[in-house]
Amino acid sequence: MTHSKTHAQPHVALVGAGPGDPELLTLKAVKAIAAATVLLVDDLVSDAIVAYASSTARIIYVGKRGGCKSTPQAFIEKLMLQEALGGENVVRLKGGDPFIFGRGGEEVEHLRAQGVKVTVINGITAGLAGVTSLGVPLTHRTHAHGVLFITGHAKQGATDTVDWTGLSRTAAQAKLTLVIYMGMHGAAQLQEALLHGLSPHTPVAVIQHVSLPTQRHVVCTLDELHNTVVQNQMASPSVIVVGDVILGLLQLEQSNQRLVAAG
């Protein structure tokens, strides 16, 4: 199946590829990927998702992963603009959701300023898919009155870093679940700061490779977060979920450990 270039107003679709499992794509995302003549693909998007693209589409990998060599954001924005103005049907395919730590807001602003129409197609974010896979909700009438998605990795050179101490106190008072993205590198610092406002016994789950066949997780208490991450060699990409919604899972795993120890 071939696709021709569009001659209407230049257009780019920012498409959320979800956490990795192709079955978690929306129908709208699949249609957009299939119709694209040019796809700019994030590092964390799986081959099974890229396979929905047309055989005639041009696929450009523009990986961005913390701690690794990555494509500069300015270059990605320039490339999207160039291809859209050239009449291509451009899809920027992003892991998770384009508007949750996906730099989607920056890209929309840049493209619209140049007269390019932008469509955003949501994807399931890893923070939601990860806890769901463990049978845990992000909100609960007893345990969590809200949820806060936050990055543990500040923009390079930024001075307005997160006040984790203040945030931890707010989370305790308001009964909030914290979902921390890109926090693995600073897990020790996060633990220390969060303990200023949250109990050391606060349950925590760390979920790696969300929704993929390689997914794995650990559950612990906040005062054991760093040690647990190190002992189990947990690494990026992972999400850290902090809050009492994890309590039932923690109790179950502690019970299983006691049974194993009793032998």
C-alpha atoms as a PDB file:
ATOM      1  CA  MET A   1       0.000   0.000   0.000  1.00  0.00           C
ATOM      2  CA  THR A   2       1.464   3.383  -0.986  1.00  0.00           C
ATOM      3  CA  HIS A   3       0.680   6.831   0.312  1.00  0.00           C
ATOM      4  CA  SER A   4       1.036  10.081  -1.551  1.00  0.00           C
ATOM      5  CA  LYS A   5       2.235  13.357  -0.142  1.00  0.00           C
ATOM      6  CA  THR A   6      -0.355  15.792   1.111  1.00  0.00           C
ATOM      7  CA  HIS A   7      -0.752  19.147  -0.670  1.00  0.00           C
ATOM      8  CA  ALA A   8      -2.984  20.716   1.972  1.00  0.00           C
ATOM      9  CA  GLN A   9      -1.752  22.795   4.931  1.00  0.00           C
ATOM     10  CA  PRO A  10       1.530  21.353   6.296  1.00  0.00           C
ATOM     11  CA  HIS A  11       0.695  18.920   9.082  1.00  0.00           C
ATOM     12  CA  VAL A  12       2.420  16.859  11.769  1.00  0.00           C
ATOM     13  CA  ALA A  13       0.807  14.281  14.048  1.00  0.00           C
ATOM     14  CA  LEU A  14       2.337  13.700  17.481  1.00  0.00           C
ATOM     15  CA  VAL A  15       1.361  10.112  18.192  1.00  0.00           C
ATOM     16  CA  GLY A  16       1.621   8.342  21.544  1.00  0.00           C
ATOM     17  CA  ALA A  17       2.962   4.816  21.083  1.00  0.00           C
ATOM     18  CA  GLY A  18       2.064   3.838  24.640  1.00  0.00           C
ATOM     19  CA  PRO A  19       4.400   1.980  27.003  1.00  0.00           C
ATOM     20  CA  GLY A  20       5.572  -0.639  24.506  1.00  0.00           C
ATOM     21  CA  ASP A  21       2.954  -3.360  24.041  1.00  0.00           C
ATOM     22  CA  PRO A  22       1.518  -2.815  20.526  1.00  0.00           C
ATOM     23  CA  GLU A  23      -1.900  -4.027  21.720  1.00  0.00           C
ATOM     24  CA  LEU A  24      -2.110  -0.934  23.938  1.00  0.00           C
ATOM     25  CA  LEU A  25      -2.062   1.392  20.914  1.00  0.00           C
ATOM     26  CA  THR A  26      -5.261   3.281  20.186  1.00  0.00           C
ATOM     27  CA  LEU A  27      -7.037   2.680  16.871  1.00  0.00           C
ATOM     28  CA  LYS A  28      -6.423   6.329  16.027  1.00  0.00           C
ATOM     29  CA  ALA A  29      -2.690   5.874  16.556  1.00  0.00           C
ATOM     30  CA  VAL A  30      -2.579   2.795  14.313  1.00  0.00           C
ATOM     31  CA  LYS A  31      -4.385   4.673  11.520  1.00  0.00           C
ATOM     32  CA  ALA A  32      -2.021   7.632  11.788  1.00  0.00           C
ATOM     33  CA  ILE A  33       1.078   5.416  11.708  1.00  0.00           C
ATOM     34  CA  ALA A  34      -0.227   3.525   8.675  1.00  0.00           C
ATOM     35  CA  ALA A  35      -0.985   6.742   6.781  1.00  0.00           C
ATOM     36  CA  ALA A  36       2.392   8.408   7.423  1.00  0.00           C
ATOM     37  CA  THR A  37       4.923   8.961   4.651  1.00  0.00           C
ATOM     38  CA  VAL A  38       7.610   9.964   7.168  1.00  0.00           C
ATOM     39  CA  LEU A  39       7.897   8.714  10.755  1.00  0.00           C
ATOM     40  CA  LEU A  40      10.271  10.182  13.337  1.00  0.00           C
ATOM     41  CA  VAL A  41      10.546   7.427  15.928  1.00  0.00           C
ATOM     42  CA  ASP A  42      11.598   7.638  19.575  1.00  0.00           C
ATOM     43  CA  ASP A  43      14.179   5.267  21.020  1.00  0.00           C
ATOM     44  CA  LEU A  44      11.705   3.440  23.263  1.00  0.00           C
ATOM     45  CA  VAL A  45       9.171   2.630  20.526  1.00  0.00           C
ATOM     46  CA  SER A  46       9.245  -1.093  19.767  1.00  0.00           C
ATOM     47  CA  ASP A  47       9.718  -2.650  16.330  1.00  0.00           C
ATOM     48  CA  ALA A  48       6.277  -4.255  16.657  1.00  0.00           C
ATOM     49  CA  ILE A  49       4.719  -0.780  16.712  1.00  0.00           C
ATOM     50  CA  VAL A  50       6.837   0.570  13.857  1.00  0.00           C
ATOM     51  CA  ALA A  51       5.646  -2.461  11.853  1.00  0.00           C
ATOM     52  CA  TYR A  52       2.250  -0.745  11.449  1.00  0.00           C
ATOM     53  CA  ALA A  53       3.908   1.774   9.122  1.00  0.00           C
ATOM     54  CA  SER A  54       3.552   1.528   5.357  1.00  0.00           C
ATOM     55  CA  SER A  55       6.332  -0.345   3.560  1.00  0.00           C
ATOM     56  CA  THR A  56       6.924   2.828   1.525  1.00  0.00           C
ATOM     57  CA  ALA A  57       7.207   5.147   4.548  1.00  0.00           C
ATOM     58  CA  ARG A  58      10.558   6.695   5.433  1.00  0.00           C
ATOM     59  CA  ILE A  59      11.451   5.868   9.022  1.00  0.00           C
ATOM     60  CA  ILE A  60      13.909   8.104  10.866  1.00  0.00           C
ATOM     61  CA  TYR A  61      15.039   7.103  14.348  1.00  0.00           C
ATOM     62  CA  VAL A  62      15.513  10.098  16.632  1.00  0.00           C
ATOM     63  CA  GLY A  63      16.183   8.382  19.937  1.00  0.00           C
ATOM     64  CA  LYS A  64      16.227  10.347  23.185  1.00  0.00           C
ATOM     65  CA  ARG A  65      17.109   8.365  26.306  1.00  0.00           C
ATOM     66  CA  GLY A  66      18.556   9.692  29.544  1.00  0.00           C
ATOM     67  CA  GLY A  67      22.233   8.952  30.024  1.00  0.00           C
ATOM     68  CA  CYS A  68      22.789   7.974  26.383  1.00  0.00           C
ATOM     69  CA  LYS A  69      23.805   9.837  23.273  1.00  0.00           C
ATOM     70  CA  SER A  70      20.610  11.283  21.822  1.00  0.00           C
ATOM     71  CA  THR A  71      19.313  13.362  18.951  1.00  0.00           C
ATOM     72  CA  PRO A  72      19.207  17.077  19.852  1.00  0.00           C
ATOM     73  CA  GLN A  73      15.665  18.391  20.318  1.00  0.00           C
ATOM     74  CA  ALA A  74      16.331  21.367  18.031  1.00  0.00           C
ATOM     75  CA  PHE A  75      17.337  18.990  15.222  1.00  0.00           C
ATOM     76  CA  ILE A  76      14.155  16.928  15.649  1.00  0.00           C
ATOM     77  CA  GLU A  77      11.993  20.058  15.475  1.00  0.00           C
ATOM     78  CA  LYS A  78      13.865  21.301  12.389  1.00  0.00           C
ATOM     79  CA  LEU A  79      13.446  17.910  10.690  1.00  0.00           C
ATOM     80  CA  MET A  80       9.699  17.750  11.432  1.00  0.00           C
ATOM     81  CA  LEU A  81       9.238  21.231  10.025  1.00  0.00           C
ATOM     82  CA  GLN A  82      11.295  20.496   6.925  1.00  0.00           C
ATOM     83  CA  GLU A  83       9.395  17.313   6.085  1.00  0.00           C
ATOM     84  CA  ALA A  84       5.976  18.872   6.754  1.00  0.00           C
ATOM     85  CA  LEU A  85       6.743  21.892   4.572  1.00  0.00           C
ATOM     86  CA  GLY A  86       7.917  19.462   1.894  1.00  0.00           C
ATOM     87  CA  GLY A  87       4.408  17.983   1.765  1.00  0.00           C
ATOM     88  CA  GLU A  88       5.088  14.799   3.684  1.00  0.00           C
ATOM     89  CA  ASN A  89       2.510  13.253   5.998  1.00  0.00           C
ATOM     90  CA  VAL A  90       4.664  13.402   9.131  1.00  0.00           C
ATOM     91  CA  VAL A  91       4.158  11.366  12.300  1.00  0.00           C
ATOM     92  CA  ARG A  92       6.311  11.988  15.354  1.00  0.00           C
ATOM     93  CA  LEU A  93       6.001   8.645  17.142  1.00  0.00           C
ATOM     94  CA  LYS A  94       6.647   8.971  20.869  1.00  0.00           C
ATOM     95  CA  GLY A  95       6.840   6.448  23.681  1.00  0.00           C
ATOM     96  CA  GLY A  96       3.976   6.774  26.164  1.00  0.00           C
ATOM     97  CA  ASP A  97       1.927   9.947  25.715  1.00  0.00           C
ATOM     98  CA  PRO A  98       3.215  12.976  23.766  1.00  0.00           C
ATOM     99  CA  PHE A  99       2.104  15.382  26.487  1.00  0.00           C
ATOM    100  CA  ILE A 100       3.503  13.536  29.522  1.00  0.00           C
ATOM    101  CA  PHE A 101       7.256  14.153  29.612  1.00  0.00           C
ATOM    102  CA  GLY A 102       7.413  13.702  25.847  1.00  0.00           C
ATOM    103  CA  ARG A 103       8.395  17.280  24.937  1.00  0.00           C
ATOM    104  CA  GLY A 104       5.182  17.439  22.970  1.00  0.00           C
ATOM    105  CA  GLY A 105       4.390  20.917  24.231  1.00  0.00           C
ATOM    106  CA  GLU A 106       7.695  22.284  22.927  1.00  0.00           C
ATOM    107  CA  GLU A 107       7.159  20.676  19.541  1.00  0.00           C
ATOM    108  CA  VAL A 108       3.585  21.955  19.185  1.00  0.00           C
ATOM    109  CA  GLU A 109       4.693  25.511  19.954  1.00  0.00           C
ATOM    110  CA  HIS A 110       7.550  25.356  17.445  1.00  0.00           C
ATOM    111  CA  LEU A 111       5.478  23.884  14.617  1.00  0.00           C
ATOM    112  CA  ARG A 112       2.444  26.126  15.077  1.00  0.00           C
ATOM    113  CA  ALA A 113       4.690  29.202  15.113  1.00  0.00           C
ATOM    114  CA  GLN A 114       5.804  28.169  11.615  1.00  0.00           C
ATOM    115  CA  GLY A 115       2.257  27.717  10.339  1.00  0.00           C
ATOM    116  CA  VAL A 116       2.185  23.920  10.611  1.00  0.00           C
ATOM    117  CA  LYS A 117      -1.022  22.263  11.807  1.00  0.00           C
ATOM    118  CA  VAL A 118      -0.490  19.770  14.648  1.00  0.00           C
ATOM    119  CA  THR A 119      -2.657  16.870  15.744  1.00  0.00           C
ATOM    120  CA  VAL A 120      -1.970  15.115  19.048  1.00  0.00           C
ATOM    121  CA  ILE A 121      -3.007  11.501  19.533  1.00  0.00           C
ATOM    122  CA  ASN A 122      -2.788  10.331  23.128  1.00  0.00           C
ATOM    123  CA  GLY A 123      -1.059   7.152  24.248  1.00  0.00           C
ATOM    124  CA  ILE A 124      -1.194   5.223  27.517  1.00  0.00           C
ATOM    125  CA  THR A 125       1.569   6.507  29.764  1.00  0.00           C
ATOM    126  CA  ALA A 126       3.930   4.069  31.496  1.00  0.00           C
ATOM    127  CA  GLY A 127       2.973   5.300  34.965  1.00  0.00           C
ATOM    128  CA  LEU A 128      -0.586   4.137  34.427  1.00  0.00           C
ATOM    129  CA  ALA A 129       0.146   0.945  32.499  1.00  0.00           C
ATOM    130  CA  GLY A 130       2.806  -0.145  34.986  1.00  0.00           C
ATOM    131  CA  VAL A 131       0.676  -0.123  38.119  1.00  0.00           C
ATOM    132  CA  THR A 132      -2.321  -1.494  36.224  1.00  0.00           C
ATOM    133  CA  SER A 133      -0.253  -4.527  35.206  1.00  0.00           C
ATOM    134  CA  LEU A 134       0.297  -5.203  38.919  1.00  0.00           C
ATOM    135  CA  GLY A 135      -3.418  -4.965  39.672  1.00  0.00           C
ATOM    136  CA  VAL A 136      -2.952  -1.672  41.518  1.00  0.00           C
ATOM    137  CA  PRO A 137      -4.937   1.560  41.003  1.00  0.00           C
ATOM    138  CA  LEU A 138      -3.391   5.021  41.041  1.00  0.00           C
ATOM    139  CA  THR A 139      -6.314   6.440  43.031  1.00  0.00           C
ATOM    140  CA  HIS A 140      -8.381   4.782  45.740  1.00  0.00           C
ATOM    141  CA  ARG A 141     -11.132   6.158  47.959  1.00  0.00           C
ATOM    142  CA  THR A 142      -9.294   4.975  51.072  1.00  0.00           C
ATOM    143  CA  HIS A 143      -5.629   5.273  50.129  1.00  0.00           C
ATOM    144  CA  ALA A 144      -5.198   8.012  47.499  1.00  0.00           C
ATOM    145  CA  HIS A 145      -7.276  11.094  46.756  1.00  0.00           C
ATOM    146  CA  GLY A 146      -5.161  12.017  43.735  1.00  0.00           C
ATOM    147  CA  VAL A 147      -2.100  11.213  41.674  1.00  0.00           C
ATOM    148  CA  LEU A 148       0.888  13.324  40.724  1.00  0.00           C
ATOM    149  CA  PHE A 149       3.073  12.559  37.691  1.00  0.00           C
ATOM    150  CA  ILE A 150       6.517  14.097  38.117  1.00  0.00           C
ATOM    151  CA  THR A 151       9.963  13.797  36.581  1.00  0.00           C
ATOM    152  CA  GLY A 152      12.974  12.872  38.669  1.00  0.00           C
ATOM    153  CA  HIS A 153      15.275  14.263  35.984  1.00  0.00           C
ATOM    154  CA  ALA A 154      15.484  18.050  35.689  1.00  0.00           C
ATOM    155  CA  LYS A 155      16.268  19.815  32.420  1.00  0.00           C
ATOM    156  CA  GLN A 156      20.027  20.196  32.032  1.00  0.00           C
ATOM    157  CA  GLY A 157      21.171  23.468  33.586  1.00  0.00           C
ATOM    158  CA  ALA A 158      17.798  24.096  35.252  1.00  0.00           C
ATOM    159  CA  THR A 159      17.822  25.934  38.575  1.00  0.00           C
ATOM    160  CA  ASP A 160      14.130  25.437  39.392  1.00  0.00           C
ATOM    161  CA  THR A 161      14.506  21.858  40.619  1.00  0.00           C
ATOM    162  CA  VAL A 162      11.680  20.055  42.384  1.00  0.00           C
ATOM    163  CA  ASP A 163      11.214  20.714  46.090  1.00  0.00           C
ATOM    164  CA  TRP A 164      10.987  17.034  46.966  1.00  0.00           C
ATOM    165  CA  THR A 165      10.834  17.735  50.700  1.00  0.00           C
ATOM    166  CA  GLY A 166       7.831  20.031  50.305  1.00  0.00           C
ATOM    167  CA  LEU A 167       6.256  17.666  47.828  1.00  0.00           C
ATOM    168  CA  SER A 168       6.592  14.708  50.187  1.00  0.00           C
ATOM    169  CA  ARG A 169       4.773  16.616  52.927  1.00  0.00           C
ATOM    170  CA  THR A 170       1.989  17.590  50.535  1.00  0.00           C
ATOM    171  CA  ALA A 171       1.693  13.984  49.342  1.00  0.00           C
ATOM    172  CA  ALA A 172       1.304  12.774  52.925  1.00  0.00           C
ATOM    173  CA  GLN A 173      -1.253  15.423  53.860  1.00  0.00           C
ATOM    174  CA  ALA A 174      -3.332  15.169  50.673  1.00  0.00           C
ATOM    175  CA  LYS A 175      -3.004  11.377  50.254  1.00  0.00           C
ATOM    176  CA  LEU A 176      -1.403  11.556  46.816  1.00  0.00           C
ATOM    177  CA  THR A 177       0.171   8.755  44.804  1.00  0.00           C
ATOM    178  CA  LEU A 178       3.512   9.888  43.352  1.00  0.00           C
ATOM    179  CA  VAL A 179       4.488   8.514  39.946  1.00  0.00           C
ATOM    180  CA  ILE A 180       8.116   9.411  39.262  1.00  0.00           C
ATOM    181  CA  TYR A 181       9.525   9.158  35.751  1.00  0.00           C
ATOM    182  CA  MET A 182      13.263   9.191  34.984  1.00  0.00           C
ATOM    183  CA  GLY A 183      14.108   8.850  38.665  1.00  0.00           C
ATOM    184  CA  MET A 184      16.370   5.802  38.692  1.00  0.00           C
ATOM    185  CA  HIS A 185      19.667   7.681  38.477  1.00  0.00           C
ATOM    186  CA  GLY A 186      18.786   9.716  41.558  1.00  0.00           C
ATOM    187  CA  ALA A 187      16.936   7.055  43.561  1.00  0.00           C
ATOM    188  CA  ALA A 188      19.108   7.549  46.654  1.00  0.00           C
ATOM    189  CA  GLN A 189      18.532  11.314  46.646  1.00  0.00           C
ATOM    190  CA  LEU A 190      14.809  10.865  46.035  1.00  0.00           C
ATOM    191  CA  GLN A 191      14.557   8.474  48.972  1.00  0.00           C
ATOM    192  CA  GLU A 192      16.367  10.866  51.300  1.00  0.00           C
ATOM    193  CA  ALA A 193      14.232  13.859  50.295  1.00  0.00           C
ATOM    194  CA  LEU A 194      10.885  12.048  50.362  1.00  0.00           C
ATOM    195  CA  LEU A 195      11.577  10.726  53.857  1.00  0.00           C
ATOM    196  CA  HIS A 196      11.307  14.300  55.156  1.00  0.00           C
ATOM    197  CA  GLY A 197       7.549  14.169  54.666  1.00  0.00           C
ATOM    198  CA  LEU A 198       6.565  10.541  54.127  1.00  0.00           C
ATOM    199  CA  SER A 199       6.783   7.627  56.533  1.00  0.00           C
ATOM    200  CA  PRO A 200       9.748   5.256  56.041  1.00  0.00           C
ATOM    201  CA  HIS A 201       7.123   2.488  55.793  1.00  0.00           C
ATOM    202  CA  THR A 202       5.426   4.077  52.752  1.00  0.00           C
ATOM    203  CA  PRO A 203       5.067   1.376  50.068  1.00  0.00           C
ATOM    204  CA  VAL A 204       6.972   1.793  46.801  1.00  0.00           C
ATOM    205  CA  ALA A 205       6.948  -0.124  43.520  1.00  0.00           C
ATOM    206  CA  VAL A 206       9.586   0.157  40.802  1.00  0.00           C
ATOM    207  CA  ILE A 207       8.472  -1.164  37.419  1.00  0.00           C
ATOM    208  CA  GLN A 208      10.946  -1.644  34.574  1.00  0.00           C
ATOM    209  CA  HIS A 209      10.194  -2.160  30.856  1.00  0.00           C
ATOM    210  CA  VAL A 210       6.491  -1.533  31.410  1.00  0.00           C
ATOM    211  CA  SER A 211       4.141  -3.737  29.314  1.00  0.00           C
ATOM    212  CA  LEU A 212       6.970  -5.482  27.458  1.00  0.00           C
ATOM    213  CA  PRO A 213       7.788  -9.211  27.733  1.00  0.00           C
ATOM    214  CA  THR A 214      10.855  -8.174  29.768  1.00  0.00           C
ATOM    215  CA  GLN A 215       8.795  -6.265  32.364  1.00  0.00           C
ATOM    216  CA  ARG A 216       9.794  -6.847  35.968  1.00  0.00           C
ATOM    217  CA  HIS A 217       9.137  -5.079  39.248  1.00  0.00           C
ATOM    218  CA  VAL A 218      10.183  -4.825  42.859  1.00  0.00           C
ATOM    219  CA  VAL A 219       8.138  -3.711  45.857  1.00  0.00           C
ATOM    220  CA  CYS A 220       9.608  -2.301  49.044  1.00  0.00           C
ATOM    221  CA  THR A 221       9.218   0.440  51.648  1.00  0.00           C
ATOM    222  CA  LEU A 222      10.507   3.955  51.037  1.00  0.00           C
ATOM    223  CA  ASP A 223      13.439   3.565  53.438  1.00  0.00           C
ATOM    224  CA  GLU A 224      14.632   0.567  51.384  1.00  0.00           C
ATOM    225  CA  LEU A 225      14.166   2.089  47.909  1.00  0.00           C
ATOM    226  CA  HIS A 226      17.816   2.663  46.982  1.00  0.00           C
ATOM    227  CA  ASN A 227      19.039  -0.658  48.430  1.00  0.00           C
ATOM    228  CA  THR A 228      16.259  -2.552  46.644  1.00  0.00           C
ATOM    229  CA  VAL A 229      17.044  -0.878  43.305  1.00  0.00           C
ATOM    230  CA  VAL A 230      20.755  -1.738  43.659  1.00  0.00           C
ATOM    231  CA  GLN A 231      20.243  -5.305  44.881  1.00  0.00           C
ATOM    232  CA  ASN A 232      17.820  -6.124  42.079  1.00  0.00           C
ATOM    233  CA  GLN A 233      19.798  -4.218  39.428  1.00  0.00           C
ATOM    234  CA  MET A 234      16.756  -2.205  38.413  1.00  0.00           C
ATOM    235  CA  ALA A 235      17.547   0.307  35.690  1.00  0.00           C
ATOM    236  CA  SER A 236      15.968   2.686  33.210  1.00  0.00           C
ATOM    237  CA  PRO A 237      13.451   2.809  31.708  1.00  0.00           C
ATOM    238  CA  SER A 238      11.486   2.409  34.935  1.00  0.00           C
ATOM    239  CA  VAL A 239       8.783   4.239  36.841  1.00  0.00           C
ATOM    240  CA  ILE A 240       8.766   4.632  40.606  1.00  0.00           C
ATOM    241  CA  VAL A 241       5.325   4.616  42.266  1.00  0.00           C
ATOM    242  CA  VAL A 242       5.116   5.842  45.858  1.00  0.00           C
ATOM    243  CA  GLY A 243       2.026   5.658  48.044  1.00  0.00           C
ATOM    244  CA  ASP A 244      -0.434   3.578  50.023  1.00  0.00           C
ATOM    245  CA  VAL A 245      -2.110   2.222  46.868  1.00  0.00           C
ATOM    246  CA  ILE A 246       0.869  -0.188  46.814  1.00  0.00           C
ATOM    247  CA  LEU A 247       0.149  -1.395  50.379  1.00  0.00           C
ATOM    248  CA  GLY A 248      -1.799  -4.538  49.443  1.00  0.00           C
ATOM    249  CA  LEU A 249       0.870  -5.614  46.952  1.00  0.00           C
ATOM    250  CA  LEU A 250       3.633  -5.001  49.483  1.00  0.00           C
ATOM    251  CA  GLN A 251       1.844  -7.067  52.127  1.00  0.00           C
ATOM    252  CA  LEU A 252       1.300  -9.896  49.637  1.00  0.00           C
ATOM    253  CA  GLU A 253       4.970  -9.975  48.638  1.00  0.00           C
ATOM    254  CA  GLN A 254       6.112  -9.830  52.271  1.00  0.00           C
ATOM    255  CA  SER A 255       3.786 -12.756  53.053  1.00  0.00           C
ATOM    256  CA  ASN A 256       5.208 -14.751  50.127  1.00  0.00           C
ATOM    257  CA  GLN A 257       8.751 -14.045  51.316  1.00  0.00           C
ATOM    258  CA  ARG A 258       7.888 -15.335  54.799  1.00  0.00           C
ATOM    259  CA  LEU A 259       6.441 -18.515  53.301  1.00  0.00           C
ATOM    260  CA  VAL A 260       9.585 -19.068  51.211  1.00  0.00           C
ATOM    261  CA  ALA A 261      11.789 -18.433  54.260  1.00  0.00           C
ATOM    262  CA  ALA A 262       9.740 -20.894  56.321  1.00  0.00           C
ATOM    263  CA  GLY A 263      10.337 -23.395  53.539  1.00  0.00           C
END
